[in-house]
C-alpha atoms as a PDB file:
ATOM      1  CA  MET A   1     -44.870 -58.209  69.677  1.00  0.00           C
ATOM      2  CA  SER A   2     -41.958 -59.690  71.635  1.00  0.00           C
ATOM      3  CA  LYS A   3     -40.073 -62.683  70.263  1.00  0.00           C
ATOM      4  CA  ILE A   4     -38.964 -65.464  72.566  1.00  0.00           C
ATOM      5  CA  VAL A   5     -36.690 -68.329  71.564  1.00  0.00           C
ATOM      6  CA  VAL A   6     -37.017 -71.645  73.430  1.00  0.00           C
ATOM      7  CA  ASP A   7     -34.494 -74.498  73.346  1.00  0.00           C
ATOM      8  CA  MET A   8     -35.835 -77.418  75.376  1.00  0.00           C
ATOM      9  CA  GLY A   9     -33.405 -80.139  76.380  1.00  0.00           C
ATOM     10  CA  SER A  10     -33.350 -83.212  78.592  1.00  0.00           C
ATOM     11  CA  TRP A  11     -30.931 -81.514  81.004  1.00  0.00           C
ATOM     12  CA  LYS A  12     -31.531 -77.764  80.565  1.00  0.00           C
ATOM     13  CA  THR A  13     -34.042 -75.467  78.917  1.00  0.00           C
ATOM     14  CA  VAL A  14     -33.121 -72.007  77.636  1.00  0.00           C
ATOM     15  CA  LEU A  15     -35.515 -69.091  77.085  1.00  0.00           C
ATOM     16  CA  SER A  16     -34.191 -66.000  75.323  1.00  0.00           C
ATOM     17  CA  SER A  17     -36.033 -62.738  74.795  1.00  0.00           C
ATOM     18  CA  VAL A  18     -34.892 -61.046  71.605  1.00  0.00           C
ATOM     19  CA  SER A  19     -36.478 -57.682  72.481  1.00  0.00           C
ATOM     20  CA  LYS A  20     -35.223 -57.539  76.098  1.00  0.00           C
ATOM     21  CA  ASN A  21     -31.866 -59.198  75.295  1.00  0.00           C
ATOM     22  CA  THR A  22     -32.195 -61.538  78.285  1.00  0.00           C
ATOM     23  CA  ASN A  23     -31.656 -65.269  78.744  1.00  0.00           C
ATOM     24  CA  LEU A  24     -32.804 -67.744  81.349  1.00  0.00           C
ATOM     25  CA  MET A  25     -31.308 -71.228  81.529  1.00  0.00           C
ATOM     26  CA  ASP A  26     -32.492 -73.765  84.090  1.00  0.00           C
ATOM     27  CA  ARG A  27     -32.687 -77.515  84.675  1.00  0.00           C
ATOM     28  CA  THR A  28     -35.618 -79.234  82.991  1.00  0.00           C
ATOM     29  CA  LEU A  29     -37.131 -80.505  86.248  1.00  0.00           C
ATOM     30  CA  ILE A  30     -40.575 -80.020  87.747  1.00  0.00           C
ATOM     31  CA  ALA A  31     -41.603 -80.481  91.391  1.00  0.00           C
ATOM     32  CA  ILE A  32     -45.242 -81.506  91.792  1.00  0.00           C
ATOM     33  CA  SER A  33     -47.085 -81.545  95.108  1.00  0.00           C
ATOM     34  CA  LYS A  34     -48.448 -85.054  95.700  1.00  0.00           C
ATOM     35  CA  LYS A  35     -51.274 -83.674  97.861  1.00  0.00           C
ATOM     36  CA  ARG A  36     -52.520 -80.967  95.479  1.00  0.00           C
ATOM     37  CA  GLY A  37     -51.239 -82.373  92.180  1.00  0.00           C
ATOM     38  CA  LYS A  38     -49.950 -78.941  91.155  1.00  0.00           C
ATOM     39  CA  VAL A  39     -46.566 -77.707  89.998  1.00  0.00           C
ATOM     40  CA  VAL A  40     -44.857 -76.048  92.974  1.00  0.00           C
ATOM     41  CA  GLU A  41     -41.429 -75.294  91.505  1.00  0.00           C
ATOM     42  CA  ILE A  42     -39.288 -75.726  88.402  1.00  0.00           C
ATOM     43  CA  GLY A  43     -35.593 -76.047  87.598  1.00  0.00           C
ATOM     44  CA  GLU A  44     -32.893 -76.128  90.279  1.00  0.00           C
ATOM     45  CA  LYS A  45     -35.440 -74.882  92.824  1.00  0.00           C
ATOM     46  CA  ALA A  46     -37.547 -77.987  92.108  1.00  0.00           C
ATOM     47  CA  LEU A  47     -34.606 -80.153  93.141  1.00  0.00           C
ATOM     48  CA  LEU A  48     -34.120 -78.075  96.309  1.00  0.00           C
ATOM     49  CA  LYS A  49     -37.846 -78.343  97.118  1.00  0.00           C
ATOM     50  CA  PHE A  50     -37.649 -82.135  96.632  1.00  0.00           C
ATOM     51  CA  ARG A  51     -34.658 -82.364  98.983  1.00  0.00           C
ATOM     52  CA  GLU A  52     -36.376 -80.111 101.521  1.00  0.00           C
ATOM     53  CA  LEU A  53     -39.788 -81.842 101.642  1.00  0.00           C
ATOM     54  CA  GLY A  54     -38.876 -85.361 100.522  1.00  0.00           C
ATOM     55  CA  GLU A  55     -40.484 -87.859  98.211  1.00  0.00           C
ATOM     56  CA  GLU A  56     -43.527 -88.264 100.477  1.00  0.00           C
ATOM     57  CA  GLU A  57     -44.728 -84.753  99.556  1.00  0.00           C
ATOM     58  CA  ILE A  58     -43.010 -83.938  96.249  1.00  0.00           C
ATOM     59  CA  GLU A  59     -42.767 -85.832  92.979  1.00  0.00           C
ATOM     60  CA  LEU A  60     -39.814 -84.802  90.810  1.00  0.00           C
ATOM     61  CA  VAL A  61     -40.597 -85.085  87.084  1.00  0.00           C
ATOM     62  CA  LYS A  62     -38.417 -84.804  83.976  1.00  0.00           C
ATOM     63  CA  PRO A  63     -40.811 -83.767  81.179  1.00  0.00           C
ATOM     64  CA  ILE A  64     -38.149 -84.403  78.496  1.00  0.00           C
ATOM     65  CA  ARG A  65     -36.233 -87.674  78.287  1.00  0.00           C
ATOM     66  CA  LYS A  66     -33.683 -88.610  75.628  1.00  0.00           C
ATOM     67  CA  GLY A  67     -34.642 -85.477  73.709  1.00  0.00           C
ATOM     68  CA  ASN A  68     -38.338 -86.396  73.538  1.00  0.00           C
ATOM     69  CA  ILE A  69     -41.134 -84.447  75.186  1.00  0.00           C
ATOM     70  CA  MET A  70     -42.916 -86.902  77.477  1.00  0.00           C
ATOM     71  CA  ASP A  71     -45.627 -84.582  78.829  1.00  0.00           C
ATOM     72  CA  ALA A  72     -46.684 -81.522  76.805  1.00  0.00           C
ATOM     73  CA  GLU A  73     -48.990 -80.147  79.534  1.00  0.00           C
ATOM     74  CA  LEU A  74     -46.215 -80.207  82.146  1.00  0.00           C
ATOM     75  CA  MET A  75     -43.745 -78.674  79.700  1.00  0.00           C
ATOM     76  CA  ALA A  76     -46.237 -75.884  78.930  1.00  0.00           C
ATOM     77  CA  GLU A  77     -46.530 -75.179  82.669  1.00  0.00           C
ATOM     78  CA  TYR A  78     -42.721 -75.212  82.933  1.00  0.00           C
ATOM     79  CA  ILE A  79     -42.410 -72.629  80.128  1.00  0.00           C
ATOM     80  CA  ARG A  80     -45.215 -70.519  81.651  1.00  0.00           C
ATOM     81  CA  LYS A  81     -43.305 -70.372  84.955  1.00  0.00           C
ATOM     82  CA  MET A  82     -40.050 -69.514  83.141  1.00  0.00           C
ATOM     83  CA  LEU A  83     -41.834 -66.693  81.307  1.00  0.00           C
ATOM     84  CA  LYS A  84     -43.075 -65.358  84.654  1.00  0.00           C
ATOM     85  CA  LYS A  85     -39.496 -65.415  85.973  1.00  0.00           C
ATOM     86  CA  LEU A  86     -38.427 -63.347  82.968  1.00  0.00           C
ATOM     87  CA  GLU A  87     -41.518 -61.157  83.418  1.00  0.00           C
ATOM     88  CA  LEU A  88     -42.449 -61.815  79.796  1.00  0.00           C
ATOM     89  CA  PHE A  89     -45.946 -63.240  80.092  1.00  0.00           C
ATOM     90  CA  GLN A  90     -47.830 -60.672  78.031  1.00  0.00           C
ATOM     91  CA  LEU A  91     -50.871 -61.236  75.879  1.00  0.00           C
ATOM     92  CA  ARG A  92     -49.147 -60.950  72.498  1.00  0.00           C
ATOM     93  CA  LYS A  93     -46.069 -63.069  71.972  1.00  0.00           C
ATOM     94  CA  ARG A  94     -44.380 -64.992  69.240  1.00  0.00           C
ATOM     95  CA  MET A  95     -42.312 -67.962  70.293  1.00  0.00           C
ATOM     96  CA  ILE A  96     -39.626 -69.690  68.236  1.00  0.00           C
ATOM     97  CA  PHE A  97     -39.011 -73.290  69.276  1.00  0.00           C
ATOM     98  CA  ILE A  98     -35.678 -74.942  68.482  1.00  0.00           C
ATOM     99  CA  LEU A  99     -36.294 -78.592  67.634  1.00  0.00           C
ATOM    100  CA  PRO A 100     -33.994 -81.582  67.135  1.00  0.00           C
ATOM    101  CA  ALA A 101     -32.977 -82.379  63.562  1.00  0.00           C
ATOM    102  CA  GLN A 102     -34.812 -85.699  63.796  1.00  0.00           C
ATOM    103  CA  LEU A 103     -38.220 -84.476  64.890  1.00  0.00           C
ATOM    104  CA  GLY A 104     -40.047 -87.656  65.839  1.00  0.00           C
ATOM    105  CA  GLY A 105     -43.191 -86.780  67.808  1.00  0.00           C
ATOM    106  CA  ASN A 106     -41.712 -83.549  69.147  1.00  0.00           C
ATOM    107  CA  LEU A 107     -43.301 -81.297  66.520  1.00  0.00           C
ATOM    108  CA  ARG A 108     -46.792 -82.401  67.569  1.00  0.00           C
ATOM    109  CA  SER A 109     -45.890 -81.935  71.259  1.00  0.00           C
ATOM    110  CA  VAL A 110     -44.415 -78.478  70.663  1.00  0.00           C
ATOM    111  CA  ARG A 111     -47.511 -77.415  68.726  1.00  0.00           C
ATOM    112  CA  LYS A 112     -49.618 -78.577  71.689  1.00  0.00           C
ATOM    113  CA  ILE A 113     -47.392 -76.615  74.115  1.00  0.00           C
ATOM    114  CA  SER A 114     -47.759 -73.510  71.957  1.00  0.00           C
ATOM    115  CA  GLN A 115     -51.533 -73.971  71.853  1.00  0.00           C
ATOM    116  CA  LEU A 116     -51.755 -74.461  75.644  1.00  0.00           C
ATOM    117  CA  LEU A 117     -49.787 -71.236  76.157  1.00  0.00           C
ATOM    118  CA  GLY A 118     -51.944 -69.368  73.633  1.00  0.00           C
ATOM    119  CA  LEU A 119     -48.933 -68.320  71.569  1.00  0.00           C
ATOM    120  CA  SER A 120     -48.205 -68.047  67.897  1.00  0.00           C
ATOM    121  CA  SER A 121     -45.075 -70.019  67.163  1.00  0.00           C
ATOM    122  CA  SER A 122     -42.444 -70.942  64.604  1.00  0.00           C
ATOM    123  CA  PHE A 123     -40.073 -73.879  64.540  1.00  0.00           C
ATOM    124  CA  ILE A 124     -36.430 -74.151  63.530  1.00  0.00           C
ATOM    125  CA  GLN A 125     -34.267 -77.254  63.525  1.00  0.00           C
ATOM    126  CA  ASN A 126     -31.322 -77.159  65.926  1.00  0.00           C
ATOM    127  CA  PRO A 127     -28.537 -77.656  63.327  1.00  0.00           C
ATOM    128  CA  ILE A 128     -29.848 -74.678  61.354  1.00  0.00           C
ATOM    129  CA  SER A 129     -29.998 -72.525  64.503  1.00  0.00           C
ATOM    130  CA  ILE A 130     -26.394 -73.532  65.281  1.00  0.00           C
ATOM    131  CA  CYS A 131     -25.280 -72.465  61.789  1.00  0.00           C
ATOM    132  CA  VAL A 132     -27.123 -69.153  61.995  1.00  0.00           C
ATOM    133  CA  GLY A 133     -25.905 -68.483  65.541  1.00  0.00           C
ATOM    134  CA  SER A 134     -22.276 -69.158  64.647  1.00  0.00           C
ATOM    135  CA  GLY A 135     -22.384 -67.045  61.492  1.00  0.00           C
ATOM    136  CA  LEU A 136     -22.130 -69.891  58.962  1.00  0.00           C
ATOM    137  CA  ARG A 137     -23.888 -69.214  55.679  1.00  0.00           C
ATOM    138  CA  MET A 138     -26.634 -71.626  54.704  1.00  0.00           C
ATOM    139  CA  ASP A 139     -26.923 -70.521  51.062  1.00  0.00           C
ATOM    140  CA  GLU A 140     -23.524 -71.837  49.970  1.00  0.00           C
ATOM    141  CA  VAL A 141     -22.914 -75.045  48.043  1.00  0.00           C
ATOM    142  CA  ASP A 142     -20.532 -76.353  50.716  1.00  0.00           C
ATOM    143  CA  ALA A 143     -21.970 -78.946  53.063  1.00  0.00           C
ATOM    144  CA  ARG A 144     -21.723 -78.562  56.824  1.00  0.00           C
ATOM    145  CA  ILE A 145     -21.578 -81.277  59.454  1.00  0.00           C
ATOM    146  CA  ILE A 146     -23.069 -80.203  62.773  1.00  0.00           C
ATOM    147  CA  MET A 147     -22.734 -82.301  65.928  1.00  0.00           C
ATOM    148  CA  ASP A 148     -25.105 -81.527  68.782  1.00  0.00           C
ATOM    149  CA  MET A 149     -24.222 -83.470  71.916  1.00  0.00           C
ATOM    150  CA  GLY A 150     -26.969 -83.293  74.489  1.00  0.00           C
ATOM    151  CA  TYR A 151     -27.194 -84.831  77.933  1.00  0.00           C
ATOM    152  CA  GLU A 152     -28.791 -88.094  76.797  1.00  0.00           C
ATOM    153  CA  LYS A 153     -28.246 -88.230  73.020  1.00  0.00           C
ATOM    154  CA  THR A 154     -26.086 -86.895  70.198  1.00  0.00           C
ATOM    155  CA  GLU A 155     -27.233 -85.822  66.739  1.00  0.00           C
ATOM    156  CA  VAL A 156     -24.876 -85.516  63.782  1.00  0.00           C
ATOM    157  CA  SER A 157     -26.482 -83.639  60.886  1.00  0.00           C
ATOM    158  CA  LEU A 158     -25.401 -82.991  57.316  1.00  0.00           C
ATOM    159  CA  LEU A 159     -26.612 -79.603  56.072  1.00  0.00           C
ATOM    160  CA  SER A 160     -26.468 -78.243  52.550  1.00  0.00           C
ATOM    161  CA  PHE A 161     -28.550 -75.970  50.340  1.00  0.00           C
ATOM    162  CA  GLN A 162     -30.485 -74.415  53.230  1.00  0.00           C
ATOM    163  CA  GLY A 163     -31.640 -77.614  54.859  1.00  0.00           C
ATOM    164  CA  VAL A 164     -30.894 -80.722  56.850  1.00  0.00           C
ATOM    165  CA  ARG A 165     -30.094 -83.564  54.444  1.00  0.00           C
ATOM    166  CA  LYS A 166     -29.196 -86.466  56.746  1.00  0.00           C
ATOM    167  CA  VAL A 167     -29.291 -87.072  60.495  1.00  0.00           C
ATOM    168  CA  ILE A 168     -27.625 -89.758  62.585  1.00  0.00           C
ATOM    169  CA  VAL A 169     -28.771 -90.074  66.210  1.00  0.00           C
ATOM    170  CA  SER A 170     -26.864 -91.874  68.950  1.00  0.00           C
ATOM    171  CA  ASP A 171     -27.759 -92.583  72.574  1.00  0.00           C
ATOM    172  CA  LEU A 172     -24.284 -91.406  73.549  1.00  0.00           C
ATOM    173  CA  GLY A 173     -24.739 -88.158  75.470  1.00  0.00           C
ATOM    174  CA  TRP A 174     -22.850 -86.191  78.111  1.00  0.00           C
ATOM    175  CA  SER A 175     -24.166 -88.440  80.886  1.00  0.00           C
ATOM    176  CA  LYS A 176     -22.450 -91.513  79.386  1.00  0.00           C
ATOM    177  CA  VAL A 177     -19.291 -89.577  78.470  1.00  0.00           C
ATOM    178  CA  GLU A 178     -19.004 -88.354  82.084  1.00  0.00           C
ATOM    179  CA  ARG A 179     -19.291 -91.923  83.396  1.00  0.00           C
ATOM    180  CA  PHE A 180     -16.708 -93.139  80.869  1.00  0.00           C
ATOM    181  CA  VAL A 181     -14.223 -90.424  81.925  1.00  0.00           C
ATOM    182  CA  GLU A 182     -14.827 -91.134  85.631  1.00  0.00           C
ATOM    183  CA  ASN A 183     -14.183 -94.858  85.112  1.00  0.00           C
ATOM    184  CA  PHE A 184     -11.118 -94.130  82.977  1.00  0.00           C
ATOM    185  CA  ILE A 185      -9.606 -91.888  85.683  1.00  0.00           C
ATOM    186  CA  ARG A 186     -10.202 -94.492  88.400  1.00  0.00           C
END
């Protein structure tokens, strides 16, 4: 059974295959044909398709906004198309979803996505995945502060004793920081 790790974000989504040692990162955008109502393209290619055909024929949708999944069905279709790009859509798969520290309604949405894809899945909170990925030990008494700055929001988490203890969420993300720097330079 192949394991696939998914990190869904407002700006980009990353799929990693543990067994094939491959990654795919693309914009979290979906182009939908207004005539047929079907997904025609995802990611950067969705933006190109929108520019090519225009808003009369294509609707450009962001299924995740401010770190929250707005449309589970569209996000499931997005992941299905990403899996096809990686040539990983087999019958038996286990998917690990990386979720924000402050879950909100995302856990329910991710479970629905997993169900729509017909996958067995596990969930891990983003601050814990950051600690594991950077080699920090989670079984020590020392507390860790992890800051995850996304495109539309920032989470600061306090971790200790193998879990997330406190989370502070701010609407300050890269998009606002970029605008601040641009205005400062002008």
